[in-house]
Amino acid sequence: MHFLYFDPGLGAMIIQAIVAAVAGVVLFSKNLVHKIKVFLGLVKPIEDDVFDDIDVKDSDVDKTK
């Protein structure tokens, strides 16, 4: 008869792998569902322009360079 030994480090590693797999599936499926909704026209696409919220006027830019 063989007894398997699980030390606390291995148990923590197994739990961490399970949590990471669940988080990965949730995040991937959320992105996939959003792309399908955009394709079907149910929602508007998200524009990822980082500089939209920054107001820079032409007078603020140094034109001597």
Protein backbone atom coordinates (compact mmCIF):
# COMPACT_ATOMS: atom_id res chain seq x y z
CA MET A 1 0.00 0.00 0.00
CA HIS A 2 1.37 3.41 -1.00
CA PHE A 3 0.46 6.54 0.88
CA LEU A 4 0.70 9.87 -0.90
CA TYR A 5 2.23 12.71 1.07
CA PHE A 6 1.11 16.29 0.40
CA ASP A 7 3.10 18.88 2.27
CA PRO A 8 1.72 22.42 2.83
CA GLY A 9 3.85 23.84 -0.01
CA LEU A 10 2.38 21.43 -2.55
CA GLY A 11 -1.15 22.10 -1.32
CA ALA A 12 -0.62 25.85 -1.65
CA MET A 13 0.80 25.38 -5.14
CA ILE A 14 -2.21 23.29 -6.22
CA ILE A 15 -4.65 25.89 -4.83
CA GLN A 16 -2.73 28.71 -6.52
CA ALA A 17 -2.86 26.87 -9.87
CA ILE A 18 -6.62 26.33 -9.52
CA VAL A 19 -7.24 29.99 -8.64
CA ALA A 20 -5.06 31.17 -11.55
CA ALA A 21 -6.86 28.87 -13.99
CA VAL A 22 -10.28 30.10 -12.86
CA ALA A 23 -9.18 33.76 -13.07
CA GLY A 24 -7.75 33.19 -16.55
CA VAL A 25 -10.95 31.57 -17.80
CA VAL A 26 -13.10 34.36 -16.33
CA LEU A 27 -11.00 37.14 -17.85
CA PHE A 28 -10.69 35.42 -21.24
CA SER A 29 -14.40 34.69 -21.45
CA LYS A 30 -15.31 38.26 -20.46
CA ASN A 31 -13.16 39.63 -23.28
CA LEU A 32 -14.52 37.07 -25.74
CA VAL A 33 -18.15 37.81 -24.85
CA HIS A 34 -17.51 41.55 -25.27
CA LYS A 35 -15.95 41.00 -28.72
CA ILE A 36 -18.94 38.89 -29.78
CA LYS A 37 -21.37 41.58 -28.58
CA VAL A 38 -19.43 44.25 -30.49
CA PHE A 39 -19.48 42.06 -33.62
CA LEU A 40 -23.23 41.59 -33.34
CA GLY A 41 -23.74 45.31 -32.71
CA LEU A 42 -25.22 44.91 -29.24
CA VAL A 43 -22.70 47.27 -27.59
CA LYS A 44 -20.41 50.04 -28.76
CA PRO A 45 -16.70 49.23 -29.08
CA ILE A 46 -14.39 50.56 -26.40
CA GLU A 47 -11.87 53.03 -27.78
CA ASP A 48 -8.55 52.57 -26.01
CA ASP A 49 -6.98 55.96 -26.75
CA VAL A 50 -4.90 56.79 -23.70
CA PHE A 51 -4.48 60.45 -24.56
CA ASP A 52 -8.16 61.35 -24.91
CA ASP A 53 -8.42 62.49 -21.31
CA ILE A 54 -5.34 64.78 -21.49
CA ASP A 55 -6.06 68.35 -22.58
CA VAL A 56 -2.97 69.82 -24.23
CA LYS A 57 -3.30 73.18 -25.91
CA ASP A 58 -1.04 74.36 -28.68
CA SER A 59 0.16 77.19 -26.45
CA ASP A 60 1.36 74.60 -23.87
CA VAL A 61 3.68 72.92 -26.38
CA ASP A 62 7.21 74.28 -26.72
CA LYS A 63 7.59 75.21 -30.40
CA THR A 64 11.26 76.28 -30.21
CA LYS A 65 12.59 72.77 -30.80
